[in-house]
Each structure stands twice: as structure tokens, then as C-alpha cells.
Protein backbone atom coordinates (compact mmCIF):
# COMPACT_ATOMS: atom_id res chain seq x y z
CA MET A 1 -42.46 -35.87 43.35
CA ARG A 2 -41.26 -32.39 43.99
CA LYS A 3 -38.26 -33.23 42.45
CA LEU A 4 -39.71 -35.23 39.78
CA ALA A 5 -42.04 -31.90 38.70
CA SER A 6 -38.41 -29.77 39.10
CA LEU A 7 -36.58 -32.05 36.76
CA MET A 8 -39.15 -32.15 34.53
CA THR A 9 -39.47 -28.35 34.86
CA CYS A 10 -35.77 -27.80 34.00
CA THR A 11 -35.88 -30.22 30.66
CA VAL A 12 -38.52 -28.19 29.08
CA LEU A 13 -36.80 -25.06 29.71
CA ALA A 14 -33.63 -26.36 28.25
CA GLY A 15 -35.31 -27.62 25.01
CA ALA A 16 -36.95 -23.85 24.79
CA PHE A 17 -33.55 -22.21 24.91
CA ALA A 18 -31.75 -24.99 23.01
CA LEU A 19 -30.24 -23.14 19.68
CA PRO A 20 -31.48 -25.01 16.43
CA ALA A 21 -28.43 -27.28 15.21
CA GLN A 22 -26.57 -25.19 12.18
CA ALA A 23 -27.25 -27.09 8.75
CA GLU A 24 -23.85 -28.51 7.01
CA PHE A 25 -23.21 -26.39 4.02
CA PRO A 26 -24.50 -27.53 0.81
CA GLU A 27 -28.17 -28.95 1.63
CA LYS A 28 -29.33 -28.14 -1.87
CA PRO A 29 -27.65 -27.45 -5.69
CA VAL A 30 -25.06 -24.41 -5.86
CA LYS A 31 -26.10 -21.90 -8.70
CA LEU A 32 -23.02 -21.12 -10.85
CA VAL A 33 -23.95 -17.76 -12.68
CA VAL A 34 -22.14 -17.17 -15.92
CA PRO A 35 -22.77 -13.59 -17.06
CA PHE A 36 -22.32 -14.26 -20.61
CA SER A 37 -23.79 -16.97 -23.22
CA ALA A 38 -22.96 -20.41 -23.47
CA GLY A 39 -20.31 -21.24 -25.76
CA GLY A 40 -17.63 -18.64 -24.67
CA GLY A 41 -14.37 -18.87 -23.10
CA THR A 42 -16.18 -18.15 -19.12
CA ASP A 43 -18.93 -20.51 -19.89
CA SER A 44 -16.77 -23.27 -20.95
CA LEU A 45 -14.59 -23.10 -18.15
CA ALA A 46 -17.53 -22.87 -15.90
CA ARG A 47 -18.95 -26.36 -17.29
CA ALA A 48 -15.76 -28.45 -17.62
CA VAL A 49 -15.74 -27.49 -13.49
CA GLN A 50 -19.10 -28.59 -13.64
CA ALA A 51 -18.57 -31.86 -15.11
CA ALA A 52 -15.11 -32.43 -12.45
CA VAL A 53 -17.46 -31.68 -9.59
CA GLU A 54 -19.92 -34.23 -10.59
CA ARG A 55 -17.57 -36.55 -12.04
CA GLU A 56 -15.19 -36.79 -8.68
CA ASN A 57 -18.14 -36.42 -6.24
CA LEU A 58 -16.40 -33.29 -5.25
CA MET A 59 -19.89 -31.65 -3.59
CA SER A 60 -23.07 -33.83 -2.12
CA VAL A 61 -25.62 -31.52 -4.09
CA PRO A 62 -25.32 -30.59 -7.83
CA LEU A 63 -22.77 -27.29 -9.34
CA VAL A 64 -25.60 -25.80 -12.00
CA VAL A 65 -24.31 -23.76 -14.32
CA VAL A 66 -26.93 -20.86 -15.28
CA ASN A 67 -26.36 -18.69 -18.05
CA ALA A 68 -27.34 -15.09 -17.72
CA ASP A 69 -26.06 -13.11 -20.34
CA GLY A 70 -26.85 -9.55 -20.95
CA ALA A 71 -25.43 -5.91 -20.90
CA ALA A 72 -21.96 -6.54 -21.15
CA GLY A 73 -21.96 -9.28 -18.01
CA THR A 74 -23.70 -6.91 -16.03
CA VAL A 75 -27.37 -8.75 -15.69
CA GLY A 76 -25.49 -11.85 -13.96
CA THR A 77 -23.32 -9.92 -11.82
CA ARG A 78 -26.38 -8.15 -10.71
CA GLN A 79 -28.27 -11.38 -9.60
CA VAL A 80 -25.27 -12.69 -7.49
CA LEU A 81 -25.09 -9.44 -6.08
CA ASN A 82 -28.34 -9.49 -5.05
CA ALA A 83 -28.47 -13.23 -3.91
CA GLU A 84 -28.58 -14.25 -0.30
CA PRO A 85 -25.23 -14.75 1.23
CA ASP A 86 -25.35 -18.30 1.51
CA GLY A 87 -23.36 -19.45 -0.96
CA TYR A 88 -26.10 -21.05 -3.18
CA THR A 89 -25.30 -18.65 -5.87
CA ILE A 90 -22.57 -17.65 -6.93
CA LEU A 91 -20.26 -16.18 -10.13
CA GLN A 92 -17.89 -16.74 -12.66
CA ILE A 93 -16.38 -13.62 -14.61
CA HIS A 94 -13.04 -12.16 -15.78
CA GLN A 95 -12.12 -8.44 -14.90
CA GLU A 96 -15.43 -7.38 -17.42
CA MET A 97 -16.46 -6.35 -13.90
CA PHE A 98 -13.84 -4.50 -13.29
CA SER A 99 -14.05 -2.07 -16.65
CA ALA A 100 -17.59 -1.57 -16.50
CA SER A 101 -17.09 -0.46 -12.46
CA ALA A 102 -14.43 1.59 -13.13
CA ILE A 103 -15.98 4.04 -16.00
CA ASP A 104 -19.26 4.24 -13.78
CA ARG A 105 -21.25 1.96 -16.07
CA VAL A 106 -22.72 0.49 -12.81
CA GLU A 107 -23.56 1.38 -9.32
CA TYR A 108 -21.30 -1.27 -8.04
CA THR A 109 -17.44 -2.52 -7.61
CA PRO A 110 -15.30 -5.90 -7.21
CA MET A 111 -15.37 -4.62 -3.26
CA ASP A 112 -19.17 -5.62 -3.43
CA LEU A 113 -18.43 -9.32 -4.01
CA GLU A 114 -16.71 -11.60 -1.71
CA PRO A 115 -13.82 -13.26 -3.81
CA VAL A 116 -13.93 -17.23 -3.29
CA LEU A 117 -10.94 -18.13 -5.83
CA GLN A 118 -9.01 -17.37 -8.64
CA ALA A 119 -8.83 -19.93 -11.36
CA SER A 120 -7.65 -19.13 -14.42
CA ARG A 121 -5.23 -16.62 -16.60
CA GLY A 122 -5.40 -16.22 -20.54
CA CYS A 123 -3.12 -14.14 -21.69
CA LEU A 124 -3.37 -11.42 -24.66
CA TRP A 125 -1.30 -10.47 -27.68
CA VAL A 126 -1.01 -7.30 -30.01
CA ALA A 127 -1.80 -9.09 -33.80
CA VAL A 128 -1.44 -7.06 -36.92
CA PRO A 129 -2.24 -8.00 -40.57
CA GLN A 130 0.25 -9.99 -42.13
CA ASP A 131 0.94 -7.33 -44.67
CA SER A 132 0.99 -5.14 -41.90
CA PRO A 133 4.06 -2.29 -42.21
CA TYR A 134 4.66 -2.67 -38.07
CA GLN A 135 7.45 -5.49 -37.57
CA THR A 136 7.32 -4.42 -33.57
CA LEU A 137 5.57 -2.74 -31.11
CA ASP A 138 7.97 0.00 -30.84
CA ASP A 139 6.82 0.36 -34.89
CA LEU A 140 3.18 0.33 -33.91
CA ILE A 141 4.05 3.02 -31.62
CA GLU A 142 5.89 5.26 -33.35
CA ALA A 143 3.15 5.20 -36.04
CA ALA A 144 0.76 6.54 -33.16
CA LYS A 145 3.01 9.35 -32.19
CA THR A 146 3.12 10.49 -35.95
CA GLU A 147 -0.06 9.35 -37.39
CA GLY A 148 -2.40 10.05 -34.25
CA ARG A 149 -5.67 9.14 -34.58
CA ALA A 150 -5.42 7.60 -37.87
CA LEU A 151 -3.73 4.49 -36.30
CA LYS A 152 -6.90 2.34 -35.59
CA GLN A 153 -7.64 -0.42 -32.95
CA ALA A 154 -10.35 -2.62 -32.93
CA ASP A 155 -11.80 -3.33 -29.70
CA ASP A 156 -15.15 -3.38 -27.75
CA ILE A 157 -15.35 -0.08 -26.46
CA GLY A 158 -15.23 0.32 -22.66
CA SER A 159 -14.31 -3.20 -21.84
CA VAL A 160 -11.55 -5.30 -20.49
CA THR A 161 -9.11 -5.09 -23.55
CA HIS A 162 -9.89 -1.34 -23.83
CA PHE A 163 -7.87 -0.75 -20.61
CA PRO A 164 -4.66 -2.03 -21.83
CA ALA A 165 -4.71 0.11 -25.22
CA ALA A 166 -4.94 3.00 -22.62
CA GLN A 167 -2.17 1.92 -20.68
CA LEU A 168 0.28 2.16 -23.90
CA MET A 169 -1.24 5.58 -24.42
CA GLN A 170 -0.88 6.82 -21.03
CA GLN A 171 3.00 5.85 -20.84
CA THR A 172 3.64 6.64 -24.35
CA GLY A 173 1.88 9.77 -24.65
CA THR A 174 -0.14 9.09 -27.45
CA GLU A 175 -3.71 8.42 -29.00
CA TRP A 176 -5.05 6.26 -31.63
CA THR A 177 -8.84 5.45 -32.52
CA ILE A 178 -10.62 2.66 -31.27
CA VAL A 179 -13.15 1.22 -33.56
CA PRO A 180 -15.64 -0.49 -31.42
CA THR A 181 -16.08 -3.77 -33.36
CA GLY A 182 -17.10 -6.19 -30.33
CA GLY A 183 -15.43 -9.53 -29.48
CA THR A 184 -12.42 -11.19 -30.35
CA SER A 185 -13.89 -12.92 -33.81
CA LYS A 186 -14.87 -9.38 -34.90
CA ARG A 187 -11.86 -8.06 -34.07
CA PHE A 188 -10.41 -10.74 -36.49
CA ALA A 189 -12.51 -10.22 -39.25
CA ALA A 190 -11.50 -6.58 -38.94
CA LEU A 191 -8.02 -7.11 -39.08
CA LYS A 192 -8.42 -9.37 -42.00
CA GLY A 193 -10.94 -7.14 -44.15
CA GLY A 194 -8.50 -4.38 -43.28
CA PHE A 195 -10.67 -2.17 -41.56
CA SER A 196 -8.06 -1.69 -38.58
CA ASP A 197 -4.52 -1.64 -38.35
CA PHE A 198 -4.20 -4.06 -34.75
CA ALA A 199 -6.13 -5.77 -32.20
CA PHE A 200 -5.15 -7.20 -28.49
CA LEU A 201 -6.53 -11.15 -28.86
CA SER A 202 -7.17 -14.17 -27.03
CA PRO A 203 -4.49 -16.99 -27.26
CA PRO A 204 -6.19 -19.48 -28.85
CA TRP A 205 -6.12 -16.70 -32.30
CA ILE A 206 -2.28 -16.96 -32.50
CA GLU A 207 -3.14 -20.50 -34.08
CA ARG A 208 -6.40 -19.72 -35.40
CA GLY A 209 -5.41 -16.51 -37.18
CA ALA A 210 -2.07 -17.91 -38.11
CA GLU A 211 -2.38 -17.66 -41.85
CA ASP A 212 -3.33 -14.25 -41.18
CA LEU A 213 -2.14 -12.35 -38.64
CA ARG A 214 1.45 -11.90 -36.95
CA GLY A 215 2.33 -11.07 -33.24
CA LEU A 216 3.83 -7.93 -32.44
CA ALA A 217 3.95 -8.77 -28.86
CA SER A 218 2.63 -10.96 -25.57
CA LEU A 219 1.04 -8.81 -23.22
CA GLY A 220 1.77 -11.49 -20.35
CA PRO A 221 4.76 -12.22 -18.00
CA ASP A 222 6.38 -14.48 -20.38
CA ARG A 223 6.76 -15.79 -24.01
CA PHE A 224 3.62 -18.17 -25.23
CA ASP A 225 4.94 -21.79 -25.84
CA ASN A 226 3.46 -21.99 -28.92
CA ALA A 227 4.54 -18.11 -29.98
CA PRO A 228 7.79 -18.31 -28.92
CA ASP A 229 9.63 -15.47 -31.27
CA MET A 230 6.81 -13.43 -29.69
CA PRO A 231 8.36 -10.89 -27.20
CA THR A 232 6.66 -9.40 -24.54
CA ALA A 233 5.78 -6.37 -24.13
CA LYS A 234 7.89 -5.76 -21.34
CA GLU A 235 11.17 -7.16 -23.20
CA GLN A 236 10.33 -4.13 -25.70
CA GLY A 237 10.29 -1.86 -22.85
CA TYR A 238 6.73 -1.44 -22.08
CA ASP A 239 5.07 -1.84 -18.48
CA VAL A 240 1.77 -3.27 -19.66
CA GLU A 241 0.42 -6.54 -18.65
CA ALA A 242 -3.12 -7.68 -19.88
CA CYS A 243 -4.23 -11.16 -18.97
CA LEU A 244 -8.29 -12.51 -18.47
CA VAL A 245 -8.34 -14.12 -15.17
CA ARG A 246 -11.16 -15.71 -14.45
CA ARG A 247 -12.53 -15.91 -10.71
CA TYR A 248 -15.29 -16.99 -8.83
CA TRP A 249 -17.58 -15.08 -6.22
CA ALA A 250 -19.96 -14.86 -3.76
CA PRO A 251 -22.44 -12.27 -2.48
CA GLU A 252 -21.02 -10.04 0.08
CA GLY A 253 -21.33 -11.39 3.42
CA THR A 254 -21.29 -14.84 2.40
CA PRO A 255 -20.08 -16.59 5.59
CA GLU A 256 -16.11 -17.25 5.61
CA ASP A 257 -16.76 -21.56 6.15
CA VAL A 258 -19.13 -21.13 3.37
CA VAL A 259 -16.69 -19.47 1.14
CA SER A 260 -13.52 -21.79 1.90
CA LYS A 261 -15.74 -25.27 1.41
CA LEU A 262 -16.72 -23.72 -2.14
CA ALA A 263 -12.96 -22.60 -2.85
CA ASP A 264 -11.96 -26.45 -1.73
CA VAL A 265 -14.21 -27.77 -4.59
CA LEU A 266 -13.41 -25.66 -6.89
CA GLU A 267 -9.75 -26.21 -6.51
CA ALA A 268 -10.23 -29.64 -6.22
CA ALA A 269 -12.56 -29.46 -9.83
CA LEU A 270 -9.87 -27.33 -10.95
CA ASN A 271 -6.89 -29.23 -10.57
CA THR A 272 -8.58 -32.88 -12.33
CA GLU A 273 -6.56 -33.58 -15.22
CA GLU A 274 -9.38 -33.09 -17.71
CA VAL A 275 -10.11 -29.61 -16.42
CA GLN A 276 -6.08 -28.55 -16.56
CA SER A 277 -6.19 -30.65 -19.83
CA TYR A 278 -9.08 -28.14 -21.30
CA VAL A 279 -7.39 -24.74 -19.72
CA GLU A 280 -4.10 -25.95 -20.91
CA SER A 281 -5.84 -26.66 -24.51
CA SER A 282 -7.84 -22.99 -24.07
CA GLY A 283 -4.17 -20.86 -24.63
CA GLU A 284 -4.75 -20.33 -20.57
CA ASP A 285 -2.72 -21.58 -16.93
CA LEU A 286 -4.39 -22.42 -14.17
CA ALA A 287 -3.66 -19.75 -11.64
CA ILE A 288 -4.81 -20.26 -8.43
CA LEU A 289 -5.48 -17.78 -5.83
CA ARG A 290 -7.75 -17.82 -2.62
CA GLY A 291 -7.82 -15.58 0.95
CA GLU A 292 -6.46 -12.83 2.02
CA GLU A 293 -3.75 -13.56 -1.16
CA LEU A 294 -6.76 -13.44 -3.64
CA ARG A 295 -8.44 -10.19 -1.95
CA GLU A 296 -5.18 -8.29 -2.03
CA ALA A 297 -4.74 -8.83 -5.86
CA VAL A 298 -8.22 -8.14 -6.85
CA LYS A 299 -7.85 -4.52 -4.90
CA ALA A 300 -4.23 -4.26 -6.81
CA GLU A 301 -5.74 -5.06 -9.83
CA TYR A 302 -8.69 -2.87 -9.96
CA GLN A 303 -6.74 0.16 -8.57
CA SER A 304 -4.64 -0.35 -12.20
CA PHE A 305 -8.00 0.06 -14.26
CA LEU A 306 -9.16 3.34 -12.23
CA ASP A 307 -5.74 4.52 -12.85
CA VAL A 308 -6.19 4.61 -16.64
CA ALA A 309 -10.32 4.98 -16.41
CA ASP A 310 -10.38 8.90 -17.63
CA VAL A 311 -8.14 8.06 -20.64
CA VAL A 312 -10.56 4.99 -21.77
CA LYS A 313 -13.15 7.72 -21.33
CA ALA A 314 -11.86 10.33 -23.36
CA THR A 315 -11.19 7.16 -26.09
CA ALA A 316 -14.58 5.86 -26.15
CA GLY A 317 -16.37 8.24 -28.21
CA GLN A 318 -14.15 8.53 -30.70
């Protein structure tokens, strides 16, 4: 009887001190926050990935895209910054987060989030109206040296595209006027209407603007497949590269195994034929990075934004 009582006591104690079993991630829907309105490039990629996750049954729970537009992406970004670090709220954004942080518009930096996966890259190009007197990037820089602020660039002040302009100014010792037009379609309208001399545009506008615009330079590492005669800025002697890079982020402190599982799912979705086709049709390329390689890339790129932040600030109030 004493042996039985002793055995029962041990059993009860063992149960009392047993650790609860760890739940397998994910147990509930994962929310993918897009900090811009529906229909843009960031939103469209997110929805293509969402469809692939569902179609290929890549996750046992739904991936739900939530648009949280406002204040140049900062509203949605803050939602993820303040979320529980459990993997159930993640973010998809390009370097708009870098630009806002570099010029002190926000209190956070990219280092306050955990990078999950780099997805795609779409490089910008320097566009001028068809009747522009500038035939090369050299012509444009020479005009900046002689005309100064009379030369006008259509842009969104302090945005991700303002930074490569600042790099060019810094490298060439020039300065021109940034005309606050807003997003890409508004920049196109400003060029077409004669209100600006040039702009940095995204890849789809190579074809959309073919009747009205000419390209002086690709701001990517290579020439565009659909514009092989447009030389890169580096080919013309300017060490400037400007690409919109879309990445996924989780709250800081998210467990490594959860980050890895999220990266596995997102990478598998990106590698589906349908998503690859979408990315290609958008004029972008898959540029997948993860882990330490991704963290180092983020660190280096953010530093490049910090390096010209003072130039951006100086030209933001023109």
C-alpha cells in the first residue's frame, strides 16, 4: 500500500511540473500587412503570393492580406512593430521604410524589425520627355552644373526615389529642384505636361510611356531586356543603383524557427510559376535572400540611405 501511495505521489508531482507542449506554428491565420492602398505594386505582389499559398496548400492556415495605408507606409509598419512577436502579423514593404527612417520622419529603423525574406527587385530608370534636349545622362548632369535649380525632377519629396537623386547630386557636386508631384503616374503626367525635366520611373513605364518618354539610363546593375539600348548609369560613369526591393518582415523577437517557417512558405510561393510570371510581367526579378545574407544586405542598404540623408533633407524644402 505504501508503495502504491508513493507511486501515485510521484505521478502527481510529475504531472504538476510537466511543461506544456509547444504548439506547432501556425495554428491560426497569418496576417500579411501591406502598408499601401490596394492595386499598387506592393499590394499586387502580396496578393499573388497569397493566392499561391492557398492554391498550393503551402500553409495549414490562411494567409490574409490586410491593407493599412497611410503616412507613406508608416501606419501599417507600426502595426507590425507593435504586434506580438509570434509570426502571426508580418509586413511586406520596399525601402520606403528606409527613407522615412533615414530622414527622421519616424522613430524606428529597419533594425527594429526581423527580416524574413527578400522577394523581388524592380530597378528604376531615368526618363525625359521625347522632345527633351538631353540625350544622355551626361547631358543631364551638365545641365545641372550650368542651370542648377532651374533643372526640375518630378518626385515624391523624401521618398525612396529621392535618395538616388541625392546620390547623383552628391557624386557630381550638383543640385537641382525636386518638384513634389507624388507617385509614378503623377510624375509621368508632370513630364508629359512639361512641368518637369526628368523623373525616376519604375519598369512598367518603359512600355506605358514609350510614346511620350525616352530613357537616359537604367539605374539597375544591368540593361533592361525590353530596352537594351538604354545604358546603365554605371556604364556612363555614375556609381548609382536604385531598385525597389520588396521584403517581408516580422516583429523583432520573433522566434528563429517561426521566421524560418515563414520564409519557407513565402519562398515556395514566390517560386511558383504563377508568381514568377506576375513578377516578370511587372518588369521585376526574383531576388530571394534570407538569413544572415539578408540581414547583411539590409544593413548595407540602409547605410547607403543614411549616407545621403543630409542631401535629401537639404533638397526637400525647395
